[in-house]
Amino acid sequence: MPLLSRIIFDAHDQDKSGNIDASELKAIVYKLGHPMSDEEIETSLRIIDKDQSGKITYDEFKKWWAQKDRFQVLKDEQENQKKAEEWAQWLQVTTDHFNYFDKDRNGAISREEFASLYDNLKQSYDLGSLDDALAELDANHDGSISLKEYVRWLRGRTGN
């Protein structure tokens, strides 16, 4: 008698290719009571598809199916990927903001460059005086603010 995973896989491999594609995966999860959006299906496909071929082999399906909490695993991984994408976007915006004020493009914001950044930041944050703010951001006390120092400080202020 074939395994349940094999029965489900074969029943949904509509084109008999030996693989499950996105539309076939969507049918499986729907029939099992876990409907997903097209975006969630694409993410789930990437999670299950370990060899990144764009399709799920039976071995990949069987490994996923063997997990007792298979749908929770997909949900958790989707949330993790979403958080990673949001973090990457936040970091890009933060880096672009830093680079805008790094006028001489040396990778650090000098005291002179910081005056403009300070005026911009004090619109959103309680910073105290310019000297206080510079001291708070300049963690290594070298007189300038590196991107790393700026990211670390802003993460502390925004919770990112």
N, C-alpha and C. Protein backbone atom coordinates (compact mmCIF):
# COMPACT_ATOMS: atom_id res chain seq x y z
N MET A 1 0.85 -1.18 0.00
CA MET A 1 0.00 0.00 0.00
C MET A 1 0.89 1.24 0.00
N PRO A 2 0.66 2.17 -0.93
CA PRO A 2 1.48 3.39 -1.00
C PRO A 2 1.24 4.30 0.20
N LEU A 3 2.24 5.10 0.50
CA LEU A 3 2.13 6.08 1.57
C LEU A 3 1.10 7.14 1.20
N LEU A 4 0.48 7.74 2.22
CA LEU A 4 -0.49 8.81 1.98
C LEU A 4 0.15 9.96 1.21
N SER A 5 1.40 10.26 1.52
CA SER A 5 2.09 11.35 0.80
C SER A 5 2.17 11.04 -0.69
N ARG A 6 2.43 9.79 -1.04
CA ARG A 6 2.51 9.39 -2.45
C ARG A 6 1.14 9.48 -3.11
N ILE A 7 0.10 9.07 -2.41
CA ILE A 7 -1.26 9.13 -2.96
C ILE A 7 -1.65 10.58 -3.24
N ILE A 8 -1.40 11.46 -2.27
CA ILE A 8 -1.75 12.88 -2.44
C ILE A 8 -0.91 13.50 -3.56
N PHE A 9 0.37 13.21 -3.57
CA PHE A 9 1.26 13.75 -4.60
C PHE A 9 0.79 13.33 -5.99
N ASP A 10 0.60 12.04 -6.18
CA ASP A 10 0.19 11.52 -7.50
C ASP A 10 -1.17 12.05 -7.93
N ALA A 11 -2.09 12.19 -6.98
CA ALA A 11 -3.43 12.67 -7.30
C ALA A 11 -3.42 14.12 -7.77
N HIS A 12 -2.44 14.89 -7.33
CA HIS A 12 -2.39 16.32 -7.68
C HIS A 12 -1.35 16.65 -8.74
N ASP A 13 -0.56 15.69 -9.12
CA ASP A 13 0.39 15.88 -10.22
C ASP A 13 -0.39 15.72 -11.52
N GLN A 14 -1.16 16.76 -11.84
CA GLN A 14 -2.12 16.70 -12.94
C GLN A 14 -1.48 16.38 -14.29
N ASP A 15 -0.31 16.93 -14.54
CA ASP A 15 0.33 16.70 -15.83
C ASP A 15 1.24 15.47 -15.83
N LYS A 16 1.27 14.76 -14.72
CA LYS A 16 2.07 13.53 -14.56
C LYS A 16 3.55 13.76 -14.88
N SER A 17 4.02 14.94 -14.49
CA SER A 17 5.42 15.30 -14.74
C SER A 17 6.36 14.73 -13.68
N GLY A 18 5.79 14.25 -12.59
CA GLY A 18 6.62 13.79 -11.48
C GLY A 18 7.00 14.91 -10.54
N ASN A 19 6.41 16.08 -10.76
CA ASN A 19 6.66 17.26 -9.93
C ASN A 19 5.34 17.96 -9.64
N ILE A 20 5.34 18.74 -8.58
CA ILE A 20 4.18 19.57 -8.24
C ILE A 20 4.57 21.02 -8.53
N ASP A 21 3.77 21.70 -9.35
CA ASP A 21 4.03 23.11 -9.62
C ASP A 21 3.12 23.96 -8.74
N ALA A 22 3.16 25.27 -8.93
CA ALA A 22 2.42 26.19 -8.06
C ALA A 22 0.91 25.94 -8.11
N SER A 23 0.36 25.74 -9.29
CA SER A 23 -1.10 25.53 -9.37
C SER A 23 -1.51 24.21 -8.72
N GLU A 24 -0.67 23.20 -8.86
CA GLU A 24 -0.96 21.90 -8.23
C GLU A 24 -0.83 22.00 -6.71
N LEU A 25 0.16 22.75 -6.23
CA LEU A 25 0.31 22.96 -4.79
C LEU A 25 -0.89 23.72 -4.24
N LYS A 26 -1.36 24.70 -4.99
CA LYS A 26 -2.52 25.47 -4.56
C LYS A 26 -3.74 24.56 -4.39
N ALA A 27 -3.91 23.61 -5.30
CA ALA A 27 -5.03 22.66 -5.21
C ALA A 27 -4.88 21.77 -3.98
N ILE A 28 -3.66 21.34 -3.69
CA ILE A 28 -3.43 20.48 -2.52
C ILE A 28 -3.80 21.21 -1.24
N VAL A 29 -3.25 22.39 -1.05
CA VAL A 29 -3.48 23.09 0.22
C VAL A 29 -4.93 23.50 0.37
N TYR A 30 -5.58 23.82 -0.73
CA TYR A 30 -7.01 24.17 -0.67
C TYR A 30 -7.83 22.96 -0.24
N LYS A 31 -7.58 21.83 -0.87
CA LYS A 31 -8.35 20.62 -0.54
C LYS A 31 -8.10 20.15 0.88
N LEU A 32 -6.95 20.49 1.43
CA LEU A 32 -6.63 20.10 2.80
C LEU A 32 -7.06 21.15 3.82
N GLY A 33 -7.79 22.16 3.36
CA GLY A 33 -8.35 23.15 4.28
C GLY A 33 -7.42 24.27 4.67
N HIS A 34 -6.41 24.52 3.86
CA HIS A 34 -5.45 25.59 4.13
C HIS A 34 -5.27 26.46 2.89
N PRO A 35 -6.34 27.13 2.44
CA PRO A 35 -6.22 27.94 1.22
C PRO A 35 -5.18 29.05 1.40
N MET A 36 -4.47 29.34 0.31
CA MET A 36 -3.41 30.35 0.34
C MET A 36 -3.55 31.26 -0.87
N SER A 37 -3.08 32.48 -0.69
CA SER A 37 -3.03 33.42 -1.82
C SER A 37 -1.93 32.96 -2.78
N ASP A 38 -1.94 33.54 -3.97
CA ASP A 38 -0.90 33.20 -4.95
C ASP A 38 0.49 33.53 -4.41
N GLU A 39 0.60 34.64 -3.69
CA GLU A 39 1.89 35.02 -3.10
C GLU A 39 2.34 33.99 -2.06
N GLU A 40 1.40 33.54 -1.22
CA GLU A 40 1.73 32.53 -0.22
C GLU A 40 2.11 31.20 -0.88
N ILE A 41 1.44 30.88 -1.97
CA ILE A 41 1.77 29.65 -2.71
C ILE A 41 3.20 29.74 -3.25
N GLU A 42 3.54 30.86 -3.86
CA GLU A 42 4.89 31.03 -4.41
C GLU A 42 5.95 30.91 -3.30
N THR A 43 5.68 31.53 -2.17
CA THR A 43 6.62 31.44 -1.04
C THR A 43 6.70 30.01 -0.54
N SER A 44 5.56 29.35 -0.40
CA SER A 44 5.54 27.95 0.06
C SER A 44 6.29 27.05 -0.91
N LEU A 45 6.12 27.29 -2.19
CA LEU A 45 6.83 26.50 -3.19
C LEU A 45 8.34 26.64 -3.00
N ARG A 46 8.80 27.88 -2.79
CA ARG A 46 10.24 28.11 -2.57
C ARG A 46 10.73 27.43 -1.30
N ILE A 47 9.87 27.37 -0.28
CA ILE A 47 10.26 26.75 0.98
C ILE A 47 10.39 25.23 0.82
N ILE A 48 9.42 24.61 0.18
CA ILE A 48 9.41 23.15 0.03
C ILE A 48 10.43 22.71 -1.02
N ASP A 49 10.61 23.49 -2.05
CA ASP A 49 11.47 23.17 -3.19
C ASP A 49 12.94 23.40 -2.82
N LYS A 50 13.53 22.43 -2.15
CA LYS A 50 14.89 22.58 -1.62
C LYS A 50 15.96 22.75 -2.70
N ASP A 51 15.75 22.14 -3.88
CA ASP A 51 16.76 22.26 -4.93
C ASP A 51 16.53 23.49 -5.82
N GLN A 52 15.49 24.29 -5.47
CA GLN A 52 15.19 25.55 -6.16
C GLN A 52 15.00 25.36 -7.67
N SER A 53 14.37 24.26 -8.04
CA SER A 53 14.09 23.98 -9.45
C SER A 53 12.81 24.66 -9.93
N GLY A 54 12.03 25.18 -8.99
CA GLY A 54 10.75 25.80 -9.34
C GLY A 54 9.59 24.84 -9.26
N LYS A 55 9.89 23.58 -8.97
CA LYS A 55 8.86 22.56 -8.82
C LYS A 55 9.22 21.67 -7.64
N ILE A 56 8.22 21.01 -7.09
CA ILE A 56 8.44 20.16 -5.92
C ILE A 56 8.51 18.71 -6.38
N THR A 57 9.64 18.07 -6.09
CA THR A 57 9.77 16.64 -6.38
C THR A 57 9.04 15.84 -5.31
N TYR A 58 8.85 14.56 -5.57
CA TYR A 58 8.18 13.74 -4.56
C TYR A 58 9.00 13.70 -3.27
N ASP A 59 10.32 13.57 -3.38
CA ASP A 59 11.15 13.52 -2.16
C ASP A 59 11.01 14.80 -1.34
N GLU A 60 10.97 15.94 -2.01
CA GLU A 60 10.78 17.22 -1.31
C GLU A 60 9.40 17.26 -0.65
N PHE A 61 8.40 16.81 -1.39
CA PHE A 61 7.04 16.78 -0.86
C PHE A 61 6.95 15.86 0.34
N LYS A 62 7.55 14.69 0.24
CA LYS A 62 7.51 13.69 1.32
C LYS A 62 8.15 14.25 2.60
N LYS A 63 9.27 14.94 2.46
CA LYS A 63 9.93 15.53 3.63
C LYS A 63 9.04 16.59 4.28
N TRP A 64 8.42 17.41 3.45
CA TRP A 64 7.51 18.42 3.98
C TRP A 64 6.30 17.75 4.62
N TRP A 65 5.74 16.77 3.94
CA TRP A 65 4.53 16.09 4.42
C TRP A 65 4.79 15.38 5.75
N ALA A 66 5.99 14.88 5.96
CA ALA A 66 6.32 14.13 7.18
C ALA A 66 6.32 15.01 8.43
N GLN A 67 6.37 16.30 8.25
CA GLN A 67 6.34 17.21 9.40
C GLN A 67 4.92 17.28 9.95
N LYS A 68 4.81 17.02 11.22
CA LYS A 68 3.49 17.02 11.86
C LYS A 68 2.79 18.36 11.70
N ASP A 69 3.54 19.43 11.83
CA ASP A 69 2.99 20.79 11.77
C ASP A 69 3.33 21.45 10.43
N ARG A 70 3.16 20.69 9.35
CA ARG A 70 3.61 21.11 8.01
C ARG A 70 3.08 22.48 7.59
N PHE A 71 1.83 22.79 7.90
CA PHE A 71 1.27 24.08 7.48
C PHE A 71 1.76 25.21 8.38
N GLN A 72 1.98 24.92 9.64
CA GLN A 72 2.54 25.94 10.55
C GLN A 72 3.97 26.26 10.15
N VAL A 73 4.72 25.25 9.72
CA VAL A 73 6.09 25.47 9.26
C VAL A 73 6.09 26.45 8.08
N LEU A 74 5.16 26.25 7.14
CA LEU A 74 5.07 27.16 6.00
C LEU A 74 4.72 28.57 6.45
N LYS A 75 3.74 28.67 7.35
CA LYS A 75 3.32 29.99 7.84
C LYS A 75 4.47 30.70 8.55
N ASP A 76 5.17 29.97 9.42
CA ASP A 76 6.29 30.56 10.15
C ASP A 76 7.39 31.02 9.20
N GLU A 77 7.70 30.19 8.22
CA GLU A 77 8.76 30.54 7.27
C GLU A 77 8.34 31.73 6.41
N GLN A 78 7.07 31.81 6.05
CA GLN A 78 6.58 32.96 5.29
C GLN A 78 6.73 34.24 6.11
N GLU A 79 6.39 34.16 7.40
CA GLU A 79 6.54 35.32 8.27
C GLU A 79 8.01 35.72 8.41
N ASN A 80 8.89 34.71 8.53
CA ASN A 80 10.33 35.00 8.63
C ASN A 80 10.84 35.68 7.36
N GLN A 81 10.40 35.19 6.21
CA GLN A 81 10.82 35.80 4.95
C GLN A 81 10.29 37.22 4.82
N LYS A 82 9.05 37.43 5.25
CA LYS A 82 8.48 38.78 5.19
C LYS A 82 9.27 39.74 6.09
N LYS A 83 9.61 39.28 7.30
CA LYS A 83 10.40 40.11 8.20
C LYS A 83 11.77 40.42 7.61
N ALA A 84 12.38 39.42 6.97
CA ALA A 84 13.69 39.62 6.35
C ALA A 84 13.59 40.64 5.22
N GLU A 85 12.53 40.57 4.43
CA GLU A 85 12.33 41.53 3.35
C GLU A 85 12.10 42.93 3.90
N GLU A 86 11.31 43.03 4.97
CA GLU A 86 11.06 44.34 5.59
C GLU A 86 12.36 44.91 6.17
N TRP A 87 13.17 44.06 6.81
CA TRP A 87 14.45 44.49 7.37
C TRP A 87 15.36 44.99 6.25
N ALA A 88 15.43 44.24 5.15
CA ALA A 88 16.28 44.64 4.03
C ALA A 88 15.82 45.98 3.46
N GLN A 89 14.53 46.18 3.37
CA GLN A 89 14.00 47.44 2.86
C GLN A 89 14.32 48.58 3.83
N TRP A 90 14.13 48.35 5.13
CA TRP A 90 14.45 49.37 6.13
C TRP A 90 15.94 49.72 6.07
N LEU A 91 16.78 48.70 5.95
CA LEU A 91 18.22 48.93 5.90
C LEU A 91 18.60 49.72 4.65
N GLN A 92 17.95 49.44 3.54
CA GLN A 92 18.24 50.19 2.31
C GLN A 92 17.86 51.66 2.46
N VAL A 93 16.68 51.92 3.01
CA VAL A 93 16.24 53.30 3.23
C VAL A 93 17.19 54.01 4.19
N THR A 94 17.58 53.32 5.24
CA THR A 94 18.50 53.88 6.23
C THR A 94 19.86 54.19 5.60
N THR A 95 20.35 53.27 4.80
CA THR A 95 21.64 53.47 4.12
C THR A 95 21.56 54.65 3.15
N ASP A 96 20.47 54.72 2.39
CA ASP A 96 20.29 55.84 1.47
C ASP A 96 20.24 57.17 2.22
N HIS A 97 19.56 57.18 3.37
CA HIS A 97 19.47 58.39 4.20
C HIS A 97 20.86 58.79 4.69
N PHE A 98 21.62 57.82 5.18
CA PHE A 98 22.98 58.07 5.64
C PHE A 98 23.83 58.64 4.49
N ASN A 99 23.77 57.98 3.35
CA ASN A 99 24.59 58.40 2.20
C ASN A 99 24.23 59.80 1.72
N TYR A 100 22.98 60.19 1.85
CA TYR A 100 22.56 61.53 1.45
C TYR A 100 23.32 62.59 2.25
N PHE A 101 23.55 62.33 3.52
CA PHE A 101 24.23 63.30 4.38
C PHE A 101 25.75 63.14 4.39
N ASP A 102 26.25 62.03 3.86
CA ASP A 102 27.70 61.81 3.73
C ASP A 102 28.16 62.48 2.44
N LYS A 103 28.27 63.79 2.48
CA LYS A 103 28.51 64.60 1.28
C LYS A 103 29.84 64.28 0.60
N ASP A 104 30.88 63.99 1.38
CA ASP A 104 32.19 63.72 0.77
C ASP A 104 32.37 62.24 0.42
N ARG A 105 31.37 61.43 0.68
CA ARG A 105 31.34 60.01 0.32
C ARG A 105 32.53 59.22 0.87
N ASN A 106 32.90 59.53 2.10
CA ASN A 106 34.02 58.80 2.72
C ASN A 106 33.54 57.69 3.65
N GLY A 107 32.24 57.47 3.71
CA GLY A 107 31.70 56.39 4.54
C GLY A 107 31.46 56.79 5.98
N ALA A 108 31.62 58.07 6.28
CA ALA A 108 31.38 58.56 7.64
C ALA A 108 30.78 59.96 7.56
N ILE A 109 30.00 60.27 8.55
CA ILE A 109 29.41 61.61 8.63
C ILE A 109 30.23 62.41 9.64
N SER A 110 30.88 63.45 9.12
CA SER A 110 31.72 64.31 9.96
C SER A 110 30.83 65.22 10.81
N ARG A 111 31.46 65.93 11.73
CA ARG A 111 30.72 66.89 12.56
C ARG A 111 30.02 67.93 11.68
N GLU A 112 30.70 68.39 10.65
CA GLU A 112 30.11 69.39 9.76
C GLU A 112 28.90 68.81 9.01
N GLU A 113 29.04 67.59 8.51
CA GLU A 113 27.93 66.95 7.80
C GLU A 113 26.79 66.62 8.77
N PHE A 114 27.16 66.37 10.01
CA PHE A 114 26.15 65.98 11.00
C PHE A 114 25.16 67.09 11.28
N ALA A 115 25.56 68.34 11.13
CA ALA A 115 24.63 69.44 11.41
C ALA A 115 23.37 69.32 10.56
N SER A 116 23.51 68.97 9.30
CA SER A 116 22.34 68.79 8.43
C SER A 116 21.53 67.57 8.84
N LEU A 117 22.23 66.49 9.15
CA LEU A 117 21.54 65.27 9.59
C LEU A 117 20.80 65.53 10.90
N TYR A 118 21.43 66.26 11.80
CA TYR A 118 20.80 66.59 13.08
C TYR A 118 19.50 67.36 12.87
N ASP A 119 19.53 68.36 12.00
CA ASP A 119 18.31 69.13 11.71
C ASP A 119 17.20 68.22 11.19
N ASN A 120 17.58 67.25 10.38
CA ASN A 120 16.60 66.31 9.83
C ASN A 120 16.07 65.37 10.91
N LEU A 121 16.96 64.82 11.72
CA LEU A 121 16.56 63.84 12.74
C LEU A 121 15.74 64.45 13.87
N LYS A 122 16.04 65.69 14.24
CA LYS A 122 15.33 66.27 15.38
C LYS A 122 13.86 66.52 15.09
N GLN A 123 13.47 66.43 13.81
CA GLN A 123 12.05 66.53 13.46
C GLN A 123 11.28 65.30 13.94
N SER A 124 11.98 64.18 14.09
CA SER A 124 11.32 62.93 14.48
C SER A 124 11.76 62.40 15.84
N TYR A 125 12.90 62.84 16.34
CA TYR A 125 13.44 62.29 17.58
C TYR A 125 13.82 63.40 18.54
N ASP A 126 13.71 63.11 19.84
CA ASP A 126 14.16 64.02 20.88
C ASP A 126 15.66 63.79 21.05
N LEU A 127 16.45 64.73 20.57
CA LEU A 127 17.89 64.52 20.52
C LEU A 127 18.70 65.37 21.49
N GLY A 128 18.10 66.36 22.09
CA GLY A 128 18.90 67.28 22.89
C GLY A 128 19.71 68.18 21.97
N SER A 129 20.85 68.63 22.47
CA SER A 129 21.69 69.53 21.67
C SER A 129 22.42 68.76 20.57
N LEU A 130 22.98 69.50 19.63
CA LEU A 130 23.76 68.89 18.56
C LEU A 130 24.92 68.09 19.14
N ASP A 131 25.62 68.65 20.12
CA ASP A 131 26.75 67.94 20.74
C ASP A 131 26.29 66.67 21.45
N ASP A 132 25.15 66.74 22.15
CA ASP A 132 24.62 65.55 22.83
C ASP A 132 24.26 64.46 21.82
N ALA A 133 23.63 64.87 20.73
CA ALA A 133 23.23 63.90 19.71
C ALA A 133 24.45 63.27 19.05
N LEU A 134 25.44 64.08 18.74
CA LEU A 134 26.67 63.55 18.13
C LEU A 134 27.34 62.56 19.08
N ALA A 135 27.41 62.90 20.34
CA ALA A 135 28.02 62.00 21.32
C ALA A 135 27.25 60.68 21.42
N GLU A 136 25.92 60.76 21.33
CA GLU A 136 25.10 59.54 21.41
C GLU A 136 25.30 58.65 20.19
N LEU A 137 25.39 59.23 19.02
CA LEU A 137 25.54 58.45 17.79
C LEU A 137 26.97 57.96 17.58
N ASP A 138 27.95 58.74 17.99
CA ASP A 138 29.36 58.40 17.77
C ASP A 138 29.84 57.43 18.86
N ALA A 139 29.47 56.17 18.71
CA ALA A 139 29.72 55.16 19.74
C ALA A 139 31.21 54.95 20.02
N ASN A 140 32.06 55.05 19.01
CA ASN A 140 33.49 54.82 19.24
C ASN A 140 34.27 56.11 19.49
N HIS A 141 33.57 57.24 19.55
CA HIS A 141 34.14 58.54 19.92
C HIS A 141 35.31 58.97 19.02
N ASP A 142 35.18 58.69 17.72
CA ASP A 142 36.23 59.12 16.81
C ASP A 142 35.91 60.45 16.12
N GLY A 143 34.80 61.07 16.50
CA GLY A 143 34.45 62.37 15.94
C GLY A 143 33.59 62.31 14.69
N SER A 144 33.28 61.11 14.24
CA SER A 144 32.40 60.98 13.07
C SER A 144 31.45 59.79 13.31
N ILE A 145 30.45 59.71 12.46
CA ILE A 145 29.44 58.65 12.60
C ILE A 145 29.56 57.72 11.40
N SER A 146 29.82 56.45 11.68
CA SER A 146 29.87 55.46 10.61
C SER A 146 28.46 54.96 10.31
N LEU A 147 28.31 54.30 9.20
CA LEU A 147 27.01 53.72 8.86
C LEU A 147 26.59 52.72 9.94
N LYS A 148 27.53 51.93 10.41
CA LYS A 148 27.23 50.94 11.45
C LYS A 148 26.71 51.63 12.72
N GLU A 149 27.35 52.71 13.12
CA GLU A 149 26.89 53.44 14.30
C GLU A 149 25.49 54.01 14.08
N TYR A 150 25.27 54.55 12.88
CA TYR A 150 23.97 55.15 12.57
C TYR A 150 22.87 54.09 12.57
N VAL A 151 23.12 52.95 11.94
CA VAL A 151 22.13 51.86 11.90
C VAL A 151 21.83 51.38 13.31
N ARG A 152 22.87 51.16 14.10
CA ARG A 152 22.68 50.67 15.47
C ARG A 152 21.84 51.67 16.29
N TRP A 153 22.16 52.95 16.17
CA TRP A 153 21.41 53.98 16.90
C TRP A 153 19.96 54.03 16.44
N LEU A 154 19.75 54.05 15.12
CA LEU A 154 18.39 54.15 14.59
C LEU A 154 17.56 52.91 14.93
N ARG A 155 18.19 51.74 14.92
CA ARG A 155 17.47 50.52 15.32
C ARG A 155 16.98 50.64 16.76
N GLY A 156 17.81 51.20 17.61
CA GLY A 156 17.41 51.39 19.00
C GLY A 156 16.25 52.36 19.15
N ARG A 157 16.17 53.33 18.25
CA ARG A 157 15.10 54.32 18.30
C ARG A 157 13.81 53.83 17.66
N THR A 158 13.93 52.98 16.63
CA THR A 158 12.74 52.56 15.88
C THR A 158 12.28 51.15 16.21
N GLY A 159 13.13 50.38 16.86
CA GLY A 159 12.76 49.00 17.17
C GLY A 159 12.96 48.04 16.01
N ASN A 160 13.61 48.46 14.94
CA ASN A 160 13.88 47.57 13.80
C ASN A 160 15.08 46.71 14.05
